[in-house]
Amino acid sequence: RRRLAPLNEDNGRFLLLAALIAAYLSAGATVFSALESPSEAAAQLRWNRTLHNFSRIFNISPPELRAFLRSYEAARAAGIRVDALRPRWDFPGAFYFVGTVVSTIGFGMTTPATVAGKVFLIVYGLFGCAGTILFFNLFLERIISLLAFIMKACYERQLRRSGLLPSNFRRGAAVPGVGSLVGWKPSVYHVMLILGFFAITLSCCASAMYTAVEGWNYVDSLYYCFVTFSTIGFGDLVSSQNAAYQHQGLYRFGNFVFILMGVCCIYSLFNVISIVIKQILNWVLKKLDCRCCPKCHKSSTRLSRRNAITPGARLRRHNIAVDVDGQYDSDTEGRRLSGEMISMRELTASNKVSLAILQKQLSETANGYPRNVCINTRQNGFSAGVGALAIMNNRLAETSDSR
């Protein structure tokens, strides 16, 4: 019976991540249901009691009262409030709206009511969101480059203090005993800590501003910062919605700067965390591979030496009998016993092992490619990934499978 081919590493990582996300969602739903469900039931009970008392005191029938409340809900959805608010569709309000659209925050406090506005939003959001994602990726690339430059300068300064680098050292030059620093890359964990510290500092500063200007408590301000900077955008708290503020122009400018920098910083932090999660998935897959298939692991370890191809083991695995006449010379005998040299006579004797495989393995060995990676994949433009993941893999260390 023919055995099914095992899953490759990418598919295994994808399935493992999907299972972990499903478990994570289930756990989150369980926690939030336990925390919020009693409060929701209590609020519904208070509201029903209020409706009953109001209907009895003012002698209003419950159907009429509910019809009035439905009209109020429709007005609230249209942006009408009891207290005076700033106009929603003047230029500052419309600019705030398009900013939440292209950044995918989507508070929901302002929505187009006309058919023309809804159609224009579809076209506008298509190109706007794509351009903003590109802007976030370019910001990620530059912030990583800046952090890499600063961390490399600190690393070189540390080496100079320890005496491992001369004072006249130039970047790109090789130092005996130390090696070249051209290929040095910052650790993904250090970058994650720096971005996390910067995101926390930015959120604390923005929360202090919102607490002072909007009148929210500090916890609500922190909650608003995370919901906004992560582009979740529930819309239960929205800044800059009152009709007037003290120093209104300065506050709107500060609000715009905080939201822009916060979204860019959290986006970069999310991508760094995703690399760390990917490393954890690779570690789990290696552990599962070691436990589930120890024989394959041993054979892969035996074949992992450079310039080592064992045709005898390949032939024995396929149960191919090779008829060899005559005595082996000392060179051939040594090759067979060592298992580390290529015996052309043994390879060409089998119809299962072609010369193309041999040429491919020799080419991979000469170019330094691992054997489990195909040369065609290396030449593919998408082999290193696209978007933020490719940026992180190219600019940070400790992201490859060998680390």
Protein backbone atom coordinates (compact mmCIF):
# COMPACT_ATOMS: atom_id res chain seq x y z
CA ARG A 1 0.00 0.00 0.00
CA ARG A 2 1.30 3.40 -0.93
CA ARG A 3 1.92 5.73 2.00
CA LEU A 4 0.76 9.33 1.94
CA ALA A 5 3.47 11.96 1.74
CA PRO A 6 4.09 13.71 5.06
CA LEU A 7 3.27 17.38 5.51
CA ASN A 8 6.07 19.79 4.83
CA GLU A 9 7.20 22.32 7.39
CA ASP A 10 5.14 25.22 6.05
CA ASN A 11 1.89 23.27 6.04
CA GLY A 12 2.64 21.82 9.46
CA ARG A 13 3.31 25.29 10.84
CA PHE A 14 0.09 26.59 9.28
CA LEU A 15 -2.03 23.79 10.74
CA LEU A 16 -0.42 24.11 14.15
CA LEU A 17 -0.98 27.87 14.16
CA ALA A 18 -4.63 27.40 13.10
CA ALA A 19 -5.15 24.95 15.96
CA LEU A 20 -3.51 27.33 18.45
CA ILE A 21 -5.60 30.27 17.21
CA ALA A 22 -8.79 28.21 17.56
CA ALA A 23 -7.80 27.28 21.11
CA TYR A 24 -6.87 30.90 21.84
CA LEU A 25 -10.24 32.14 20.57
CA SER A 26 -12.11 29.55 22.61
CA ALA A 27 -10.19 30.46 25.76
CA GLY A 28 -10.79 34.18 25.17
CA ALA A 29 -14.49 33.63 24.57
CA THR A 30 -14.74 31.62 27.79
CA VAL A 31 -13.00 34.30 29.86
CA PHE A 32 -14.96 37.22 28.42
CA SER A 33 -18.25 35.34 28.75
CA ALA A 34 -17.51 34.66 32.42
CA LEU A 35 -16.49 38.29 33.04
CA GLU A 36 -19.10 40.21 31.08
CA SER A 37 -22.20 38.00 31.08
CA PRO A 38 -23.27 38.75 34.69
CA SER A 39 -22.86 42.49 34.09
CA GLU A 40 -24.93 42.28 30.93
CA ALA A 41 -27.74 40.38 32.68
CA ALA A 42 -27.76 42.89 35.56
CA ALA A 43 -27.87 45.85 33.13
CA GLN A 44 -30.74 44.28 31.20
CA LEU A 45 -32.68 43.77 34.46
CA ARG A 46 -32.15 47.39 35.51
CA TRP A 47 -33.25 48.63 32.09
CA ASN A 48 -36.46 46.58 32.13
CA ARG A 49 -37.26 47.91 35.60
CA THR A 50 -36.63 51.49 34.43
CA LEU A 51 -38.93 51.05 31.43
CA HIS A 52 -41.69 49.62 33.60
CA ASN A 53 -41.47 52.44 36.15
CA PHE A 54 -41.33 55.13 33.47
CA SER A 55 -44.37 53.69 31.69
CA ARG A 56 -46.33 53.49 34.94
CA ILE A 57 -45.43 56.95 36.25
CA PHE A 58 -46.07 58.90 33.02
CA ASN A 59 -48.95 56.71 31.88
CA ILE A 60 -47.32 55.75 28.56
CA SER A 61 -48.05 52.41 27.00
CA PRO A 62 -45.00 50.13 26.57
CA PRO A 63 -45.43 49.84 22.75
CA GLU A 64 -45.39 53.65 22.37
CA LEU A 65 -42.38 53.95 24.62
CA ARG A 66 -40.48 51.29 22.68
CA ALA A 67 -41.32 53.00 19.36
CA PHE A 68 -39.88 56.25 20.73
CA LEU A 69 -36.72 54.45 21.85
CA ARG A 70 -36.30 52.90 18.39
CA SER A 71 -36.43 56.39 16.87
CA TYR A 72 -33.78 57.50 19.35
CA GLU A 73 -31.54 54.56 18.40
CA ALA A 74 -31.87 55.47 14.72
CA ALA A 75 -30.94 59.08 15.51
CA ARG A 76 -27.95 57.97 17.53
CA ALA A 77 -26.77 55.74 14.68
CA ALA A 78 -26.97 58.80 12.40
CA GLY A 79 -24.67 60.73 14.74
CA ILE A 80 -27.25 62.81 16.62
CA ARG A 81 -26.64 63.22 20.34
CA VAL A 82 -28.45 65.02 23.14
CA ASP A 83 -25.37 67.06 24.01
CA ALA A 84 -23.87 69.39 21.46
CA LEU A 85 -21.21 67.72 19.32
CA ARG A 86 -18.98 69.03 16.61
CA PRO A 87 -20.25 68.68 13.02
CA ARG A 88 -19.49 65.23 11.66
CA TRP A 89 -19.04 66.08 8.00
CA ASP A 90 -17.17 69.36 8.01
CA PHE A 91 -13.62 69.14 6.70
CA PRO A 92 -11.94 68.26 10.05
CA GLY A 93 -14.64 65.69 10.78
CA ALA A 94 -14.42 64.19 7.28
CA PHE A 95 -10.61 64.10 7.51
CA TYR A 96 -10.91 62.24 10.83
CA PHE A 97 -13.31 59.80 9.16
CA VAL A 98 -11.09 59.03 6.16
CA GLY A 99 -8.15 58.58 8.52
CA THR A 100 -10.04 55.88 10.41
CA VAL A 101 -11.04 54.26 7.10
CA VAL A 102 -7.61 53.93 5.46
CA SER A 103 -5.97 52.86 8.74
CA THR A 104 -8.72 50.22 9.18
CA ILE A 105 -9.54 51.56 12.67
CA GLY A 106 -13.21 52.06 11.77
CA PHE A 107 -14.68 53.55 14.94
CA GLY A 108 -18.17 53.56 13.45
CA MET A 109 -19.25 56.83 15.03
CA THR A 110 -19.52 58.33 11.52
CA THR A 111 -20.80 56.44 8.50
CA PRO A 112 -21.93 57.64 5.07
CA ALA A 113 -25.72 57.82 4.79
CA THR A 114 -26.10 58.47 1.05
CA VAL A 115 -25.77 55.87 -1.69
CA ALA A 116 -23.14 57.94 -3.48
CA GLY A 117 -21.11 58.17 -0.27
CA LYS A 118 -21.24 54.41 0.28
CA VAL A 119 -20.17 53.67 -3.30
CA PHE A 120 -17.34 56.19 -3.10
CA LEU A 121 -16.23 54.65 0.20
CA ILE A 122 -15.79 51.24 -1.45
CA VAL A 123 -13.47 52.63 -4.14
CA TYR A 124 -11.73 55.04 -1.77
CA GLY A 125 -11.09 52.40 0.88
CA LEU A 126 -9.73 49.90 -1.65
CA PHE A 127 -6.80 52.06 -2.70
CA GLY A 128 -6.51 53.91 0.62
CA CYS A 129 -6.14 50.78 2.74
CA ALA A 130 -3.64 49.27 0.29
CA GLY A 131 -1.53 52.43 0.31
CA THR A 132 -1.65 52.67 4.10
CA ILE A 133 -0.52 49.05 4.49
CA LEU A 134 2.39 49.86 2.18
CA PHE A 135 3.17 52.90 4.33
CA PHE A 136 3.16 50.71 7.46
CA ASN A 137 5.56 48.25 5.80
CA LEU A 138 7.91 51.06 4.75
CA PHE A 139 7.76 52.48 8.27
CA LEU A 140 8.56 49.02 9.63
CA GLU A 141 11.56 48.73 7.32
CA ARG A 142 12.94 52.10 8.35
CA ILE A 143 12.38 51.70 12.08
CA ILE A 144 14.12 48.31 11.94
CA SER A 145 17.00 49.85 9.97
CA LEU A 146 17.28 52.68 12.52
CA LEU A 147 17.26 50.27 15.45
CA ALA A 148 19.81 48.06 13.68
CA PHE A 149 22.11 51.04 13.11
CA ILE A 150 21.88 52.14 16.74
CA MET A 151 22.29 48.61 18.14
CA LYS A 152 25.26 47.92 15.87
CA ALA A 153 26.93 51.15 16.99
CA CYS A 154 26.38 50.13 20.61
CA TYR A 155 27.74 46.67 19.85
CA GLU A 156 30.90 48.10 18.26
CA ARG A 157 31.34 50.48 21.20
CA GLN A 158 31.08 47.55 23.58
CA LEU A 159 33.73 45.66 21.60
CA ARG A 160 36.05 48.69 21.68
CA ARG A 161 35.67 48.96 25.45
CA SER A 162 36.49 45.30 25.85
CA GLY A 163 39.57 45.69 23.64
CA LEU A 164 38.35 43.38 20.87
CA LEU A 165 38.20 46.19 18.30
CA PRO A 166 40.89 48.77 17.57
CA SER A 167 40.06 52.44 17.93
CA ASN A 168 40.53 53.07 14.18
CA PHE A 169 38.16 50.25 13.16
CA ARG A 170 36.07 50.94 10.08
CA ARG A 171 32.77 49.27 9.41
CA GLY A 172 33.00 46.43 6.93
CA ALA A 173 36.61 45.65 7.76
CA ALA A 174 37.59 42.24 9.08
CA VAL A 175 39.34 42.02 12.43
CA PRO A 176 41.44 38.94 13.23
CA GLY A 177 39.85 36.85 15.94
CA VAL A 178 36.58 38.73 15.78
CA GLY A 179 35.42 38.46 12.21
CA SER A 180 33.63 40.93 9.99
CA LEU A 181 30.63 42.91 11.26
CA VAL A 182 29.15 43.35 7.79
CA GLY A 183 26.62 40.57 8.25
CA TRP A 184 25.73 41.48 11.82
CA LYS A 185 21.98 41.70 12.48
CA PRO A 186 20.10 42.74 15.61
CA SER A 187 18.35 40.13 17.67
CA VAL A 188 14.61 39.92 17.14
CA TYR A 189 14.11 39.72 20.90
CA HIS A 190 16.00 42.95 21.52
CA VAL A 191 14.00 44.72 18.82
CA MET A 192 10.77 43.40 20.35
CA LEU A 193 11.73 44.76 23.77
CA ILE A 194 12.63 48.18 22.33
CA LEU A 195 9.42 48.46 20.32
CA GLY A 196 7.39 47.25 23.31
CA PHE A 197 8.98 49.86 25.57
CA PHE A 198 8.36 52.60 23.00
CA ALA A 199 4.71 51.49 22.53
CA ILE A 200 4.10 51.48 26.30
CA THR A 201 5.69 54.92 26.69
CA LEU A 202 3.66 56.33 23.80
CA SER A 203 0.42 54.86 25.18
CA CYS A 204 1.08 56.26 28.65
CA CYS A 205 1.75 59.76 27.28
CA ALA A 206 -1.35 59.67 25.07
CA SER A 207 -3.46 58.37 27.95
CA ALA A 208 -2.34 61.28 30.11
CA MET A 209 -3.46 63.69 27.40
CA TYR A 210 -6.86 62.02 26.94
CA THR A 211 -7.44 61.92 30.70
CA ALA A 212 -6.77 65.63 31.00
CA VAL A 213 -8.71 66.76 27.91
CA GLU A 214 -11.55 64.23 27.49
CA GLY A 215 -12.20 63.70 31.20
CA TRP A 216 -11.81 59.89 31.03
CA ASN A 217 -10.18 57.92 33.81
CA TYR A 218 -6.68 56.63 33.13
CA VAL A 219 -7.70 53.00 32.63
CA ASP A 220 -10.28 54.00 30.01
CA SER A 221 -7.64 56.13 28.30
CA LEU A 222 -5.21 53.19 28.18
CA TYR A 223 -8.00 50.99 26.86
CA TYR A 224 -8.79 53.54 24.14
CA CYS A 225 -5.10 53.77 23.16
CA PHE A 226 -4.76 50.03 22.71
CA VAL A 227 -8.05 49.66 20.82
CA THR A 228 -7.13 52.54 18.52
CA PHE A 229 -3.43 51.84 18.00
CA SER A 230 -4.11 48.17 17.24
CA THR A 231 -6.81 49.28 14.69
CA ILE A 232 -9.52 47.31 16.51
CA GLY A 233 -11.64 50.45 16.84
CA PHE A 234 -14.71 49.42 18.81
CA GLY A 235 -16.05 52.98 18.89
CA ASP A 236 -17.31 52.95 22.49
CA LEU A 237 -14.72 55.63 23.26
CA VAL A 238 -13.79 58.14 20.57
CA SER A 239 -11.55 61.14 21.06
CA SER A 240 -12.08 64.68 19.76
CA GLN A 241 -15.87 64.44 19.52
CA ASN A 242 -17.01 67.35 21.71
CA ALA A 243 -18.11 70.61 20.16
CA ALA A 244 -15.27 72.65 21.63
CA TYR A 245 -12.05 72.08 23.55
CA GLN A 246 -9.55 74.31 25.23
CA HIS A 247 -6.66 74.76 22.80
CA GLN A 248 -8.68 72.80 20.26
CA GLY A 249 -6.25 73.09 17.34
CA LEU A 250 -3.29 71.94 19.42
CA TYR A 251 -5.30 69.03 20.82
CA ARG A 252 -6.41 67.85 17.37
CA PHE A 253 -2.84 67.97 16.12
CA GLY A 254 -1.58 66.03 19.13
CA ASN A 255 -4.39 63.50 18.73
CA PHE A 256 -3.46 62.96 15.08
CA VAL A 257 0.25 62.54 15.88
CA PHE A 258 -0.40 60.11 18.73
CA ILE A 259 -2.76 57.96 16.65
CA LEU A 260 -0.39 57.91 13.65
CA MET A 261 2.70 57.04 15.69
CA GLY A 262 0.78 54.59 17.84
CA VAL A 263 -0.64 52.66 14.88
CA CYS A 264 2.77 52.48 13.18
CA CYS A 265 4.51 51.38 16.36
CA ILE A 266 1.94 48.73 17.30
CA TYR A 267 1.94 47.43 13.72
CA SER A 268 5.72 47.01 13.87
CA LEU A 269 5.48 45.37 17.29
CA PHE A 270 2.82 42.94 16.07
CA ASN A 271 5.05 41.86 13.20
CA VAL A 272 8.03 41.29 15.50
CA ILE A 273 5.84 39.24 17.85
CA SER A 274 4.64 37.21 14.86
CA ILE A 275 8.27 36.28 14.11
CA VAL A 276 8.71 35.12 17.70
CA ILE A 277 5.50 33.08 17.44
CA LYS A 278 6.84 31.54 14.23
CA GLN A 279 10.04 30.54 16.02
CA ILE A 280 8.01 28.92 18.78
CA LEU A 281 6.01 27.00 16.17
CA ASN A 282 9.24 25.81 14.54
CA TRP A 283 10.52 24.65 17.92
CA VAL A 284 7.26 22.77 18.59
CA LEU A 285 7.40 21.14 15.15
CA LYS A 286 10.97 20.00 15.72
CA LYS A 287 9.99 18.53 19.07
CA LEU A 288 7.02 16.75 17.52
CA ASP A 289 9.22 15.47 14.68
CA CYS A 290 11.77 14.12 17.14
CA ARG A 291 9.11 12.30 19.13
CA CYS A 292 6.99 10.98 16.26
CA CYS A 293 9.73 9.87 13.90
CA PRO A 294 12.99 9.07 15.72
CA LYS A 295 14.22 6.81 12.92
CA CYS A 296 13.83 9.55 10.33
CA HIS A 297 15.51 11.99 12.69
CA LYS A 298 18.50 9.69 13.09
CA SER A 299 18.79 9.17 9.35
CA SER A 300 18.55 12.90 8.71
CA THR A 301 21.25 13.52 11.31
CA ARG A 302 23.46 10.92 9.65
CA LEU A 303 22.95 12.57 6.26
CA SER A 304 23.39 16.12 7.51
CA ARG A 305 27.17 16.20 7.06
CA ARG A 306 28.42 18.43 4.29
CA ASN A 307 29.66 16.70 1.14
CA ALA A 308 28.22 13.42 2.46
CA ILE A 309 25.94 11.33 0.25
CA THR A 310 25.28 7.71 1.13
CA PRO A 311 24.06 5.91 -1.96
CA GLY A 312 24.31 2.53 -0.18
CA ALA A 313 21.75 3.59 2.37
CA ARG A 314 19.52 4.95 -0.38
CA LEU A 315 19.68 1.69 -2.27
CA ARG A 316 19.04 -0.42 0.82
CA ARG A 317 16.01 1.73 1.66
CA HIS A 318 14.50 1.08 -1.74
CA ASN A 319 15.39 -2.64 -1.59
CA ILE A 320 17.33 -2.55 -4.81
CA ALA A 321 19.79 -5.36 -5.44
CA VAL A 322 22.92 -4.29 -7.24
CA ASP A 323 25.01 -6.90 -9.01
CA VAL A 324 28.66 -6.04 -8.80
CA ASP A 325 31.29 -8.23 -10.45
CA GLY A 326 34.93 -8.18 -9.66
CA GLN A 327 36.92 -7.02 -6.68
CA TYR A 328 36.80 -3.48 -5.33
CA ASP A 329 39.94 -1.49 -5.30
CA SER A 330 41.15 0.20 -2.14
CA ASP A 331 39.71 3.58 -3.11
CA THR A 332 36.25 2.23 -3.81
CA GLU A 333 36.37 0.07 -0.69
CA GLY A 334 37.21 3.10 1.40
CA ARG A 335 34.38 5.07 -0.12
CA ARG A 336 31.84 2.37 0.66
CA LEU A 337 33.01 1.92 4.22
CA SER A 338 33.18 5.60 5.05
CA GLY A 339 29.79 6.44 3.54
CA GLU A 340 30.93 10.02 2.96
CA MET A 341 32.06 9.89 -0.67
CA ILE A 342 30.06 9.48 -3.85
CA SER A 343 30.36 6.08 -5.49
CA MET A 344 29.39 6.75 -9.10
CA ARG A 345 29.32 3.04 -9.86
CA GLU A 346 26.71 2.41 -7.17
CA LEU A 347 24.58 5.42 -8.09
CA THR A 348 24.39 4.72 -11.78
CA ALA A 349 23.63 1.04 -11.15
CA SER A 350 20.19 1.89 -9.77
CA ASN A 351 17.39 2.98 -12.05
CA LYS A 352 15.76 4.82 -9.11
CA VAL A 353 18.57 7.31 -8.66
CA SER A 354 19.10 9.54 -11.65
CA LEU A 355 22.07 11.64 -12.60
CA ALA A 356 19.95 14.78 -12.27
CA ILE A 357 19.56 14.22 -8.52
CA LEU A 358 23.31 13.85 -8.18
CA GLN A 359 23.94 17.07 -10.11
CA LYS A 360 21.34 18.88 -7.98
CA GLN A 361 22.93 17.72 -4.72
CA LEU A 362 26.42 18.66 -5.90
CA SER A 363 25.19 22.09 -6.99
CA GLU A 364 23.49 22.66 -3.65
CA THR A 365 26.62 21.63 -1.79
CA ALA A 366 28.82 23.92 -3.90
CA ASN A 367 26.50 26.91 -3.43
CA GLY A 368 25.95 26.33 0.25
CA TYR A 369 22.24 25.59 0.04
CA PRO A 370 20.65 23.14 2.44
CA ARG A 371 19.57 19.87 0.88
CA ASN A 372 15.97 20.16 1.90
CA VAL A 373 15.56 23.34 -0.14
CA CYS A 374 15.12 23.12 -3.87
CA ILE A 375 17.18 25.34 -6.13
CA ASN A 376 14.09 26.41 -8.03
CA THR A 377 12.61 27.61 -4.77
CA ARG A 378 15.72 29.62 -4.06
CA GLN A 379 15.42 31.31 -7.42
CA ASN A 380 11.77 32.09 -6.87
CA GLY A 381 11.18 35.73 -6.02
CA PHE A 382 8.58 34.87 -3.39
CA SER A 383 10.65 32.24 -1.58
CA ALA A 384 11.73 34.69 1.12
CA GLY A 385 8.18 35.88 1.69
CA VAL A 386 6.50 39.15 0.91
CA GLY A 387 5.40 42.07 3.01
CA ALA A 388 6.28 42.58 6.64
CA LEU A 389 7.39 38.97 7.20
CA ALA A 390 10.03 39.23 4.47
CA ILE A 391 11.27 42.52 5.92
CA MET A 392 11.70 40.97 9.34
CA ASN A 393 13.43 37.86 7.98
CA ASN A 394 15.89 39.93 5.96
CA ARG A 395 16.76 42.48 8.62
CA LEU A 396 16.67 40.56 11.88
CA ALA A 397 18.71 37.66 13.17
CA GLU A 398 17.44 34.48 14.82
CA THR A 399 14.67 34.04 12.29
CA SER A 400 16.02 31.15 10.27
CA ASP A 401 15.33 27.50 10.98
CA SER A 402 18.95 26.82 11.76
CA ARG A 403 19.01 29.15 14.73
